[in-house]
PDB file of N, CA and C in Angstrom:
ATOM      1  N   UNK A   1      -3.720 -17.118 -27.685  1.00  0.00           N
ATOM      2  CA  UNK A   1      -3.613 -15.721 -27.222  1.00  0.00           C
ATOM      3  C   UNK A   1      -2.019 -14.791 -27.038  1.00  0.00           C
ATOM      4  N   UNK A   2      -1.945 -13.595 -27.696  1.00  0.00           N
ATOM      5  CA  UNK A   2      -1.205 -12.638 -27.032  1.00  0.00           C
ATOM      6  C   UNK A   2      -0.596 -12.460 -25.918  1.00  0.00           C
ATOM      7  N   UNK A   3       0.680 -12.442 -25.462  1.00  0.00           N
ATOM      8  CA  UNK A   3       1.010 -12.029 -23.939  1.00  0.00           C
ATOM      9  C   UNK A   3       1.623 -10.540 -24.265  1.00  0.00           C
ATOM     10  N   UNK A   4       1.045  -9.743 -23.645  1.00  0.00           N
ATOM     11  CA  UNK A   4       1.608  -8.143 -23.427  1.00  0.00           C
ATOM     12  C   UNK A   4       2.875  -8.106 -22.782  1.00  0.00           C
ATOM     13  N   UNK A   5       3.458  -7.165 -23.202  1.00  0.00           N
ATOM     14  CA  UNK A   5       4.470  -6.714 -22.396  1.00  0.00           C
ATOM     15  C   UNK A   5       4.301  -5.703 -21.204  1.00  0.00           C
ATOM     16  N   UNK A   6       4.340  -6.282 -20.076  1.00  0.00           N
ATOM     17  CA  UNK A   6       4.453  -5.844 -18.719  1.00  0.00           C
ATOM     18  C   UNK A   6       5.703  -5.378 -18.243  1.00  0.00           C
ATOM     19  N   UNK A   7       5.629  -4.114 -17.455  1.00  0.00           N
ATOM     20  CA  UNK A   7       6.700  -3.658 -16.570  1.00  0.00           C
ATOM     21  C   UNK A   7       6.770  -4.819 -15.403  1.00  0.00           C
ATOM     22  N   UNK A   8       8.242  -4.564 -14.903  1.00  0.00           N
ATOM     23  CA  UNK A   8       8.852  -5.577 -13.855  1.00  0.00           C
ATOM     24  C   UNK A   8       7.955  -5.273 -12.453  1.00  0.00           C
ATOM     25  N   UNK A   9       7.548  -4.077 -12.536  1.00  0.00           N
ATOM     26  CA  UNK A   9       6.491  -4.359 -11.168  1.00  0.00           C
ATOM     27  C   UNK A   9       5.089  -4.906 -11.264  1.00  0.00           C
ATOM     28  N   UNK A  10       4.469  -4.352 -12.476  1.00  0.00           N
ATOM     29  CA  UNK A  10       3.317  -5.146 -12.918  1.00  0.00           C
ATOM     30  C   UNK A  10       3.427  -6.742 -12.804  1.00  0.00           C
ATOM     31  N   UNK A  11       4.565  -7.292 -13.213  1.00  0.00           N
ATOM     32  CA  UNK A  11       5.008  -8.754 -13.347  1.00  0.00           C
ATOM     33  C   UNK A  11       5.203  -9.529 -11.782  1.00  0.00           C
ATOM     34  N   UNK A  12       5.583  -8.580 -10.950  1.00  0.00           N
ATOM     35  CA  UNK A  12       6.044  -9.066  -9.433  1.00  0.00           C
ATOM     36  C   UNK A  12       4.697  -8.856  -8.924  1.00  0.00           C
ATOM     37  N   UNK A  13       3.204  -7.826  -9.121  1.00  0.00           N
ATOM     38  CA  UNK A  13       2.321  -7.504  -8.451  1.00  0.00           C
ATOM     39  C   UNK A  13       1.491  -8.941  -8.922  1.00  0.00           C
ATOM     40  N   UNK A  14       1.884  -9.478  -9.932  1.00  0.00           N
ATOM     41  CA  UNK A  14       0.916 -10.645 -10.764  1.00  0.00           C
ATOM     42  C   UNK A  14       1.699 -11.666 -10.148  1.00  0.00           C
ATOM     43  N   UNK A  15       2.718 -11.897  -9.986  1.00  0.00           N
ATOM     44  CA  UNK A  15       3.384 -12.947  -9.091  1.00  0.00           C
ATOM     45  C   UNK A  15       2.916 -12.907  -7.767  1.00  0.00           C
ATOM     46  N   UNK A  16       2.637 -12.121  -6.878  1.00  0.00           N
ATOM     47  CA  UNK A  16       2.214 -12.381  -5.482  1.00  0.00           C
ATOM     48  C   UNK A  16       0.550 -12.359  -5.454  1.00  0.00           C
ATOM     49  N   UNK A  17      -0.022 -12.138  -6.864  1.00  0.00           N
ATOM     50  CA  UNK A  17      -1.314 -12.364  -6.600  1.00  0.00           C
ATOM     51  C   UNK A  17      -1.775 -13.629  -6.819  1.00  0.00           C
ATOM     52  N   UNK A  18      -1.109 -14.275  -7.857  1.00  0.00           N
ATOM     53  CA  UNK A  18      -1.325 -15.648  -8.211  1.00  0.00           C
ATOM     54  C   UNK A  18      -0.383 -16.686  -7.150  1.00  0.00           C
ATOM     55  N   UNK A  19       0.319 -16.062  -6.221  1.00  0.00           N
ATOM     56  CA  UNK A  19       0.617 -17.225  -5.456  1.00  0.00           C
ATOM     57  C   UNK A  19       0.244 -16.957  -3.698  1.00  0.00           C
ATOM     58  N   UNK A  20      -0.761 -15.597  -3.856  1.00  0.00           N
ATOM     59  CA  UNK A  20      -1.204 -15.699  -2.535  1.00  0.00           C
ATOM     60  C   UNK A  20      -0.526 -14.436  -1.407  1.00  0.00           C
ATOM     61  N   UNK A  21       0.433 -14.286  -2.466  1.00  0.00           N
ATOM     62  CA  UNK A  21       1.061 -13.299  -1.166  1.00  0.00           C
ATOM     63  C   UNK A  21       2.452 -14.279  -0.356  1.00  0.00           C
ATOM     64  N   UNK A  22       3.098 -13.288   0.392  1.00  0.00           N
ATOM     65  CA  UNK A  22       4.492 -13.625   0.978  1.00  0.00           C
ATOM     66  C   UNK A  22       3.679 -14.584   2.365  1.00  0.00           C
ATOM     67  N   UNK A  23       4.431 -15.196   2.660  1.00  0.00           N
ATOM     68  CA  UNK A  23       3.891 -15.756   4.270  1.00  0.00           C
ATOM     69  C   UNK A  23       3.879 -14.529   5.114  1.00  0.00           C
ATOM     70  N   UNK A  24       4.771 -13.699   5.136  1.00  0.00           N
ATOM     71  CA  UNK A  24       5.146 -12.674   6.409  1.00  0.00           C
ATOM     72  C   UNK A  24       4.491 -11.684   6.137  1.00  0.00           C
ATOM     73  N   UNK A  25       3.515 -11.484   5.098  1.00  0.00           N
ATOM     74  CA  UNK A  25       2.945 -10.317   4.667  1.00  0.00           C
ATOM     75  C   UNK A  25       1.594 -10.271   5.272  1.00  0.00           C
ATOM     76  N   UNK A  26       1.167  -9.641   6.486  1.00  0.00           N
ATOM     77  CA  UNK A  26      -0.173  -9.723   6.835  1.00  0.00           C
ATOM     78  C   UNK A  26      -1.114  -8.497   6.379  1.00  0.00           C
ATOM     79  N   UNK A  27      -2.217  -8.876   6.050  1.00  0.00           N
ATOM     80  CA  UNK A  27      -2.906  -7.856   5.359  1.00  0.00           C
ATOM     81  C   UNK A  27      -2.999  -6.297   6.202  1.00  0.00           C
ATOM     82  N   UNK A  28      -3.800  -7.354   7.402  1.00  0.00           N
ATOM     83  CA  UNK A  28      -4.178  -6.559   8.849  1.00  0.00           C
ATOM     84  C   UNK A  28      -3.457  -5.552   9.150  1.00  0.00           C
ATOM     85  N   UNK A  29      -1.932  -6.062   9.674  1.00  0.00           N
ATOM     86  CA  UNK A  29      -1.183  -5.107  10.158  1.00  0.00           C
ATOM     87  C   UNK A  29      -0.879  -4.228   8.680  1.00  0.00           C
ATOM     88  N   UNK A  30      -0.778  -4.271   7.641  1.00  0.00           N
ATOM     89  CA  UNK A  30      -0.432  -3.428   6.581  1.00  0.00           C
ATOM     90  C   UNK A  30      -1.347  -2.280   6.607  1.00  0.00           C
ATOM     91  N   UNK A  31      -2.809  -2.645   6.545  1.00  0.00           N
ATOM     92  CA  UNK A  31      -3.846  -1.821   6.651  1.00  0.00           C
ATOM     93  C   UNK A  31      -3.779  -0.990   7.869  1.00  0.00           C
ATOM     94  N   UNK A  32      -3.376  -1.752   9.099  1.00  0.00           N
ATOM     95  CA  UNK A  32      -3.395  -0.935  10.359  1.00  0.00           C
ATOM     96  C   UNK A  32      -2.627   0.248  10.179  1.00  0.00           C
ATOM     97  N   UNK A  33      -1.283  -0.048   9.810  1.00  0.00           N
ATOM     98  CA  UNK A  33      -0.219   0.941   9.576  1.00  0.00           C
ATOM     99  C   UNK A  33      -0.365   1.926   8.695  1.00  0.00           C
ATOM    100  N   UNK A  34      -1.084   1.837   7.238  1.00  0.00           N
ATOM    101  CA  UNK A  34      -1.315   2.709   6.719  1.00  0.00           C
ATOM    102  C   UNK A  34      -2.352   3.479   7.464  1.00  0.00           C
ATOM    103  N   UNK A  35      -3.300   3.093   8.137  1.00  0.00           N
ATOM    104  CA  UNK A  35      -4.159   3.908   8.765  1.00  0.00           C
ATOM    105  C   UNK A  35      -3.561   4.986   9.511  1.00  0.00           C
ATOM    106  N   UNK A  36      -2.861   4.131  10.153  1.00  0.00           N
ATOM    107  CA  UNK A  36      -1.833   4.671  11.295  1.00  0.00           C
ATOM    108  C   UNK A  36      -1.079   6.253  10.497  1.00  0.00           C
ATOM    109  N   UNK A  37      -0.329   5.759   9.601  1.00  0.00           N
ATOM    110  CA  UNK A  37      -0.054   6.751   9.056  1.00  0.00           C
ATOM    111  C   UNK A  37      -0.729   7.956   8.697  1.00  0.00           C
ATOM    112  N   UNK A  38      -1.414   7.538   8.044  1.00  0.00           N
ATOM    113  CA  UNK A  38      -2.639   8.901   7.377  1.00  0.00           C
ATOM    114  C   UNK A  38      -3.302   9.817   8.672  1.00  0.00           C
ATOM    115  N   UNK A  39      -3.400   8.687   9.511  1.00  0.00           N
ATOM    116  CA  UNK A  39      -4.041   9.532  10.797  1.00  0.00           C
ATOM    117  C   UNK A  39      -3.295  10.402  11.185  1.00  0.00           C
ATOM    118  N   UNK A  40      -1.793  10.042  11.575  1.00  0.00           N
ATOM    119  CA  UNK A  40      -0.456  10.765  12.139  1.00  0.00           C
ATOM    120  C   UNK A  40      -0.786  11.991  11.001  1.00  0.00           C
ATOM    121  N   UNK A  41      -0.244  11.733   9.663  1.00  0.00           N
ATOM    122  CA  UNK A  41      -0.457  13.061   8.736  1.00  0.00           C
ATOM    123  C   UNK A  41      -1.731  13.846   8.660  1.00  0.00           C
ATOM    124  N   UNK A  42      -3.053  13.539   9.260  1.00  0.00           N
ATOM    125  CA  UNK A  42      -4.173  14.367   9.198  1.00  0.00           C
ATOM    126  C   UNK A  42      -4.074  15.230  10.576  1.00  0.00           C
ATOM    127  N   UNK A  43      -3.237  14.660  11.584  1.00  0.00           N
ATOM    128  CA  UNK A  43      -3.068  15.065  12.722  1.00  0.00           C
ATOM    129  C   UNK A  43      -2.193  16.536  12.525  1.00  0.00           C
ATOM    130  N   UNK A  44      -1.414  15.803  12.036  1.00  0.00           N
ATOM    131  CA  UNK A  44       0.089  17.117  11.654  1.00  0.00           C
ATOM    132  C   UNK A  44      -0.771  18.192  10.752  1.00  0.00           C
ATOM    133  N   UNK A  45      -1.353  17.795  10.041  1.00  0.00           N
ATOM    134  CA  UNK A  45      -1.891  19.003   8.807  1.00  0.00           C
ATOM    135  C   UNK A  45      -2.873  19.949   9.501  1.00  0.00           C
ATOM    136  N   UNK A  46      -3.819  18.834  10.495  1.00  0.00           N
ATOM    137  CA  UNK A  46      -4.389  19.817  11.360  1.00  0.00           C
ATOM    138  C   UNK A  46      -3.703  20.927  12.263  1.00  0.00           C
ATOM    139  N   UNK A  47      -2.609  20.405  13.127  1.00  0.00           N
ATOM    140  CA  UNK A  47      -2.291  21.441  13.725  1.00  0.00           C
ATOM    141  C   UNK A  47      -0.918  22.278  13.093  1.00  0.00           C
ATOM    142  N   UNK A  48      -0.645  21.937  11.756  1.00  0.00           N
ATOM    143  CA  UNK A  48      -0.060  23.650  11.361  1.00  0.00           C
ATOM    144  C   UNK A  48      -0.856  24.537  10.697  1.00  0.00           C
ATOM    145  N   UNK A  49      -1.839  24.207  10.837  1.00  0.00           N
ATOM    146  CA  UNK A  49      -3.051  24.717   9.801  1.00  0.00           C
ATOM    147  C   UNK A  49      -4.149  25.710  10.638  1.00  0.00           C
ATOM    148  N   UNK A  50      -3.446  25.826  11.796  1.00  0.00           N
ATOM    149  CA  UNK A  50      -4.389  26.831  13.073  1.00  0.00           C
ATOM    150  C   UNK A  50      -4.754  28.235  12.481  1.00  0.00           C
ATOM    151  N   UNK A  51      -4.357  28.730  11.441  1.00  0.00           N
ATOM    152  CA  UNK A  51      -4.275  30.404  11.059  1.00  0.00           C
ATOM    153  C   UNK A  51      -5.773  30.554  10.644  1.00  0.00           C
ATOM    154  N   UNK A  52      -6.272  29.464  10.226  1.00  0.00           N
ATOM    155  CA  UNK A  52      -7.492  29.510   9.447  1.00  0.00           C
ATOM    156  C   UNK A  52      -8.799  29.564  10.315  1.00  0.00           C
TER     157      UNK A  52
END
């Protein structure tokens, strides 16, 4: 089978997926932080859009 040429980012993601991620990465903390950031952005957007 021939190996396709991939970008450095794709190879880094593949390496993390094969090794199960880094020990210091907590999926729940990352997901919770992302949710909090999106909710903050939603709140800011609704506060700045009062003219409608």
